[in-house]
Amino acid sequence: MFYTYVLQSQKDKRLYSGFTKNLKLRFDQHKRGFVESTINRRPLELIYYEACLSQEDAAKREKYFKTHYGKMFLKKRLKSYFTG
């Protein structure tokens, strides 16, 4: 399995999306500051993830989350999270 995930920075409230084979390990790397793209945006919260059967599908889903339509999808999907 491969996982596409979305993190939210508690510092600036912006989202970060990525994919990995080991979600627990990757999230731990983000939290501990081992990922350059999120090191200055900590603390981070894992707010969404999906499981995919192939790496190709996970990579495509990650790219989708970075588009305008992907961000709209996440906003609708996580509406109760964002509105409280």
C-alpha atoms as a PDB file:
ATOM      1  CA  MET A   1       0.000   0.000   0.000  1.00  0.00           C
ATOM      2  CA  PHE A   2       0.966   3.590  -0.621  1.00  0.00           C
ATOM      3  CA  TYR A   3      -0.540   6.514   1.237  1.00  0.00           C
ATOM      4  CA  THR A   4      -1.338  10.018   0.068  1.00  0.00           C
ATOM      5  CA  TYR A   5      -1.545  12.360   3.030  1.00  0.00           C
ATOM      6  CA  VAL A   6      -2.305  15.954   3.921  1.00  0.00           C
ATOM      7  CA  LEU A   7      -0.695  17.803   6.804  1.00  0.00           C
ATOM      8  CA  GLN A   8      -1.741  21.140   8.211  1.00  0.00           C
ATOM      9  CA  SER A   9       0.783  23.489   9.746  1.00  0.00           C
ATOM     10  CA  GLN A  10      -0.371  24.731  13.131  1.00  0.00           C
ATOM     11  CA  LYS A  11       1.982  27.672  12.632  1.00  0.00           C
ATOM     12  CA  ASP A  12       0.575  29.125   9.378  1.00  0.00           C
ATOM     13  CA  LYS A  13      -2.513  26.886   8.816  1.00  0.00           C
ATOM     14  CA  ARG A  14      -1.333  25.995   5.299  1.00  0.00           C
ATOM     15  CA  LEU A  15      -1.620  22.482   3.887  1.00  0.00           C
ATOM     16  CA  TYR A  16       1.132  20.155   2.695  1.00  0.00           C
ATOM     17  CA  SER A  17       0.443  16.999   0.686  1.00  0.00           C
ATOM     18  CA  GLY A  18       2.722  14.070  -0.022  1.00  0.00           C
ATOM     19  CA  PHE A  19       2.776  10.311  -0.513  1.00  0.00           C
ATOM     20  CA  THR A  20       4.686   7.481   1.104  1.00  0.00           C
ATOM     21  CA  LYS A  21       4.787   3.749   1.621  1.00  0.00           C
ATOM     22  CA  ASN A  22       5.122   4.068   5.412  1.00  0.00           C
ATOM     23  CA  LEU A  23       2.745   6.732   6.742  1.00  0.00           C
ATOM     24  CA  LYS A  24       3.758   6.463  10.419  1.00  0.00           C
ATOM     25  CA  LEU A  25       7.467   6.824   9.642  1.00  0.00           C
ATOM     26  CA  ARG A  26       6.935   9.695   7.202  1.00  0.00           C
ATOM     27  CA  PHE A  27       4.727  11.638   9.609  1.00  0.00           C
ATOM     28  CA  ASP A  28       7.333  11.132  12.336  1.00  0.00           C
ATOM     29  CA  GLN A  29       9.995  12.517   9.973  1.00  0.00           C
ATOM     30  CA  HIS A  30       7.850  15.595   9.362  1.00  0.00           C
ATOM     31  CA  LYS A  31       7.220  16.091  13.096  1.00  0.00           C
ATOM     32  CA  ARG A  32      10.908  15.793  13.997  1.00  0.00           C
ATOM     33  CA  GLY A  33      12.049  18.256  11.325  1.00  0.00           C
ATOM     34  CA  PHE A  34      13.744  15.799   8.967  1.00  0.00           C
ATOM     35  CA  VAL A  35      11.755  16.980   5.913  1.00  0.00           C
ATOM     36  CA  GLU A  36      13.144  20.171   4.403  1.00  0.00           C
ATOM     37  CA  SER A  37       9.849  21.414   2.941  1.00  0.00           C
ATOM     38  CA  THR A  38       8.054  21.385   6.299  1.00  0.00           C
ATOM     39  CA  ILE A  39      10.856  22.008   8.801  1.00  0.00           C
ATOM     40  CA  ASN A  40       9.879  25.659   9.349  1.00  0.00           C
ATOM     41  CA  ARG A  41       6.140  24.957   9.398  1.00  0.00           C
ATOM     42  CA  ARG A  42       6.054  22.756  12.505  1.00  0.00           C
ATOM     43  CA  PRO A  43       4.077  21.738  14.482  1.00  0.00           C
ATOM     44  CA  LEU A  44       2.121  19.711  11.940  1.00  0.00           C
ATOM     45  CA  GLU A  45      -1.096  17.758  12.185  1.00  0.00           C
ATOM     46  CA  LEU A  46      -2.078  14.831   9.957  1.00  0.00           C
ATOM     47  CA  ILE A  47      -5.575  15.812   8.831  1.00  0.00           C
ATOM     48  CA  TYR A  48      -6.274  13.400   5.944  1.00  0.00           C
ATOM     49  CA  TYR A  49      -4.900  10.324   4.209  1.00  0.00           C
ATOM     50  CA  GLU A  50      -5.912   7.823   1.554  1.00  0.00           C
ATOM     51  CA  ALA A  51      -4.571   4.367   0.750  1.00  0.00           C
ATOM     52  CA  CYS A  52      -3.650   3.492  -2.837  1.00  0.00           C
ATOM     53  CA  LEU A  53      -2.649   0.169  -4.323  1.00  0.00           C
ATOM     54  CA  SER A  54       0.171   1.556  -6.457  1.00  0.00           C
ATOM     55  CA  GLN A  55       2.824   4.233  -6.159  1.00  0.00           C
ATOM     56  CA  GLU A  56       1.658   5.725  -9.457  1.00  0.00           C
ATOM     57  CA  ASP A  57      -1.886   6.216  -8.132  1.00  0.00           C
ATOM     58  CA  ALA A  58      -0.610   7.778  -4.909  1.00  0.00           C
ATOM     59  CA  ALA A  59       1.642  10.194  -6.826  1.00  0.00           C
ATOM     60  CA  LYS A  60      -1.242  11.230  -9.088  1.00  0.00           C
ATOM     61  CA  ARG A  61      -3.484  11.798  -6.097  1.00  0.00           C
ATOM     62  CA  GLU A  62      -0.806  13.936  -4.417  1.00  0.00           C
ATOM     63  CA  LYS A  63      -0.517  16.087  -7.545  1.00  0.00           C
ATOM     64  CA  TYR A  64      -4.298  16.430  -7.627  1.00  0.00           C
ATOM     65  CA  PHE A  65      -4.369  17.699  -4.031  1.00  0.00           C
ATOM     66  CA  LYS A  66      -1.961  20.467  -5.059  1.00  0.00           C
ATOM     67  CA  THR A  67      -4.328  21.758  -7.772  1.00  0.00           C
ATOM     68  CA  HIS A  68      -7.190  24.201  -7.306  1.00  0.00           C
ATOM     69  CA  TYR A  69      -9.720  21.375  -7.727  1.00  0.00           C
ATOM     70  CA  GLY A  70      -7.856  19.174  -5.266  1.00  0.00           C
ATOM     71  CA  LYS A  71      -7.873  21.931  -2.665  1.00  0.00           C
ATOM     72  CA  MET A  72     -11.612  22.406  -3.226  1.00  0.00           C
ATOM     73  CA  PHE A  73     -12.126  18.646  -2.759  1.00  0.00           C
ATOM     74  CA  LEU A  74     -10.227  18.708   0.539  1.00  0.00           C
ATOM     75  CA  LYS A  75     -12.144  21.773   1.712  1.00  0.00           C
ATOM     76  CA  LYS A  76     -15.466  20.010   1.057  1.00  0.00           C
ATOM     77  CA  ARG A  77     -14.280  16.653   2.413  1.00  0.00           C
ATOM     78  CA  LEU A  78     -12.927  18.211   5.615  1.00  0.00           C
ATOM     79  CA  LYS A  79     -15.584  20.891   5.996  1.00  0.00           C
ATOM     80  CA  SER A  80     -16.353  20.049   9.636  1.00  0.00           C
ATOM     81  CA  TYR A  81     -12.615  20.022  10.457  1.00  0.00           C
ATOM     82  CA  PHE A  82     -12.048  23.490   9.016  1.00  0.00           C
ATOM     83  CA  THR A  83     -15.221  25.047  10.455  1.00  0.00           C
ATOM     84  CA  GLY A  84     -14.929  23.478  13.880  1.00  0.00           C
END
